[in-house]
N, C-alpha and C. Protein backbone atom coordinates (compact mmCIF):
# COMPACT_ATOMS: atom_id res chain seq x y z
N UNK A 1 2.07 3.72 -0.38
CA UNK A 1 1.70 4.88 -1.15
C UNK A 1 1.30 4.41 -2.54
N UNK A 2 0.32 5.07 -3.09
CA UNK A 2 -0.14 4.81 -4.45
C UNK A 2 -0.51 6.14 -5.10
N UNK A 3 -0.14 6.29 -6.36
CA UNK A 3 -0.51 7.49 -7.11
C UNK A 3 -1.80 7.22 -7.87
N UNK A 4 -2.57 8.25 -8.11
CA UNK A 4 -3.80 8.14 -8.89
C UNK A 4 -3.78 9.23 -9.95
N UNK A 5 -4.11 8.83 -11.17
CA UNK A 5 -4.09 9.78 -12.28
C UNK A 5 -5.27 9.54 -13.20
N UNK A 6 -5.67 10.58 -13.90
CA UNK A 6 -6.75 10.49 -14.87
C UNK A 6 -6.27 9.86 -16.18
N UNK A 7 -4.96 9.70 -16.35
CA UNK A 7 -4.39 9.11 -17.57
C UNK A 7 -4.82 7.66 -17.75
N UNK A 8 -4.72 7.17 -18.98
CA UNK A 8 -5.07 5.77 -19.25
C UNK A 8 -3.97 4.83 -18.75
N UNK A 9 -4.29 3.56 -18.68
CA UNK A 9 -3.39 2.57 -18.09
C UNK A 9 -2.08 2.45 -18.86
N UNK A 10 -2.09 2.54 -20.18
CA UNK A 10 -0.85 2.44 -20.96
C UNK A 10 0.10 3.59 -20.65
N UNK A 11 -0.44 4.79 -20.55
CA UNK A 11 0.38 5.96 -20.19
C UNK A 11 0.96 5.79 -18.80
N UNK A 12 0.15 5.29 -17.88
CA UNK A 12 0.60 5.14 -16.49
C UNK A 12 1.63 4.03 -16.32
N UNK A 13 1.56 3.01 -17.12
CA UNK A 13 2.58 1.96 -17.06
C UNK A 13 3.94 2.55 -17.37
N UNK A 14 4.01 3.36 -18.42
CA UNK A 14 5.27 4.00 -18.80
C UNK A 14 5.71 5.00 -17.72
N UNK A 15 4.78 5.79 -17.21
CA UNK A 15 5.09 6.79 -16.19
C UNK A 15 5.60 6.13 -14.91
N UNK A 16 4.93 5.07 -14.47
CA UNK A 16 5.29 4.41 -13.23
C UNK A 16 6.70 3.84 -13.29
N UNK A 17 7.07 3.27 -14.41
CA UNK A 17 8.40 2.68 -14.56
C UNK A 17 9.45 3.76 -14.82
N UNK A 18 9.13 4.73 -15.68
CA UNK A 18 10.09 5.76 -16.06
C UNK A 18 10.24 6.87 -15.04
N UNK A 19 9.21 7.66 -14.88
CA UNK A 19 9.26 8.83 -14.01
C UNK A 19 9.34 8.46 -12.52
N UNK A 20 8.58 7.47 -12.13
CA UNK A 20 8.53 7.07 -10.71
C UNK A 20 9.60 6.04 -10.38
N UNK A 21 10.25 5.52 -11.42
CA UNK A 21 11.30 4.51 -11.26
C UNK A 21 10.81 3.32 -10.44
N UNK A 22 9.53 2.97 -10.62
CA UNK A 22 8.89 1.83 -9.95
C UNK A 22 8.92 1.94 -8.42
N UNK A 23 9.01 3.16 -7.89
CA UNK A 23 9.03 3.34 -6.44
C UNK A 23 7.65 3.18 -5.82
N UNK A 24 6.60 3.43 -6.61
CA UNK A 24 5.24 3.22 -6.13
C UNK A 24 4.31 3.01 -7.32
N UNK A 25 3.21 2.29 -7.10
CA UNK A 25 2.27 2.06 -8.19
C UNK A 25 1.42 3.30 -8.48
N UNK A 26 0.94 3.37 -9.70
CA UNK A 26 0.07 4.47 -10.11
C UNK A 26 -1.21 3.86 -10.69
N UNK A 27 -2.35 4.24 -10.15
CA UNK A 27 -3.65 3.71 -10.59
C UNK A 27 -4.30 4.63 -11.59
N UNK A 28 -5.00 4.04 -12.55
CA UNK A 28 -5.75 4.81 -13.53
C UNK A 28 -7.14 5.12 -13.00
N UNK A 29 -7.55 6.36 -13.09
CA UNK A 29 -8.88 6.81 -12.65
C UNK A 29 -9.54 7.53 -13.81
N UNK A 30 -9.82 6.78 -14.87
CA UNK A 30 -10.31 7.36 -16.13
C UNK A 30 -11.59 8.17 -15.97
N UNK A 31 -12.46 7.77 -15.06
CA UNK A 31 -13.72 8.50 -14.88
C UNK A 31 -13.65 9.52 -13.73
N UNK A 32 -12.48 9.69 -13.14
CA UNK A 32 -12.20 10.67 -12.07
C UNK A 32 -13.02 10.45 -10.80
N UNK A 33 -13.55 9.26 -10.58
CA UNK A 33 -14.32 9.01 -9.36
C UNK A 33 -13.46 9.14 -8.10
N UNK A 34 -12.26 8.59 -8.13
CA UNK A 34 -11.37 8.67 -6.96
C UNK A 34 -10.93 10.11 -6.75
N UNK A 35 -10.53 10.77 -7.83
CA UNK A 35 -10.08 12.16 -7.75
C UNK A 35 -11.16 13.04 -7.13
N UNK A 36 -12.39 12.88 -7.59
CA UNK A 36 -13.51 13.68 -7.07
C UNK A 36 -13.85 13.32 -5.63
N UNK A 37 -13.83 12.03 -5.30
CA UNK A 37 -14.22 11.62 -3.95
C UNK A 37 -13.23 12.10 -2.89
N UNK A 38 -11.98 12.31 -3.27
CA UNK A 38 -10.97 12.83 -2.34
C UNK A 38 -10.76 14.33 -2.51
N UNK A 39 -11.58 14.96 -3.34
CA UNK A 39 -11.46 16.40 -3.60
C UNK A 39 -10.01 16.74 -3.96
N UNK A 40 -9.47 15.96 -4.89
CA UNK A 40 -8.06 16.09 -5.25
C UNK A 40 -7.86 16.57 -6.69
N UNK A 41 -8.83 17.28 -7.22
CA UNK A 41 -8.69 17.77 -8.59
C UNK A 41 -7.93 19.09 -8.62
N UNK A 42 -7.35 19.38 -9.77
CA UNK A 42 -6.63 20.64 -9.94
C UNK A 42 -7.65 21.77 -10.01
N UNK A 43 -7.35 22.91 -9.43
CA UNK A 43 -8.30 24.02 -9.41
C UNK A 43 -8.76 24.49 -10.79
N UNK A 44 -7.88 24.53 -11.76
CA UNK A 44 -8.22 25.05 -13.08
C UNK A 44 -8.68 23.97 -14.06
N UNK A 45 -8.46 22.69 -13.72
CA UNK A 45 -8.86 21.59 -14.61
C UNK A 45 -9.33 20.43 -13.75
N UNK A 46 -10.61 20.38 -13.49
CA UNK A 46 -11.19 19.42 -12.53
C UNK A 46 -10.99 17.97 -12.92
N UNK A 47 -10.75 17.66 -14.19
CA UNK A 47 -10.56 16.27 -14.59
C UNK A 47 -9.16 15.75 -14.27
N UNK A 48 -8.25 16.64 -13.88
CA UNK A 48 -6.89 16.24 -13.58
C UNK A 48 -6.66 16.22 -12.07
N UNK A 49 -5.87 15.25 -11.63
CA UNK A 49 -5.55 15.14 -10.20
C UNK A 49 -4.46 16.13 -9.83
N UNK A 50 -4.64 16.74 -8.67
CA UNK A 50 -3.63 17.61 -8.10
C UNK A 50 -2.69 16.74 -7.30
N UNK A 51 -1.52 17.20 -7.04
CA UNK A 51 -0.58 16.42 -6.21
C UNK A 51 -0.92 16.65 -4.75
N UNK A 52 -1.56 15.65 -4.18
CA UNK A 52 -2.02 15.74 -2.80
C UNK A 52 -1.62 14.46 -2.09
N UNK A 53 -1.22 14.56 -0.85
CA UNK A 53 -0.88 13.38 -0.05
C UNK A 53 -1.82 13.27 1.13
N UNK A 54 -2.26 12.05 1.39
CA UNK A 54 -3.11 11.76 2.55
C UNK A 54 -2.42 10.71 3.38
N UNK A 55 -2.47 10.87 4.69
CA UNK A 55 -1.82 9.90 5.58
C UNK A 55 -2.83 9.31 6.51
C-alpha cells in the first residue's frame, strides 16, 4: 500500500512518520497527475486527493 497526496515532500515526510507511524509510504503528487489519472480527487477541491483504496 502507498498513499498519494498533493502535499510537498517535506510535509509528507513528517506525515508519514507521525500520522501514519511509518506503516506505509506516502508519495508526493505536486502536479496532481496521479490523483487525476485515478479519478481520486475530492469533489469540492479537485487538487486534493480523496481517501480512496484500489486493490
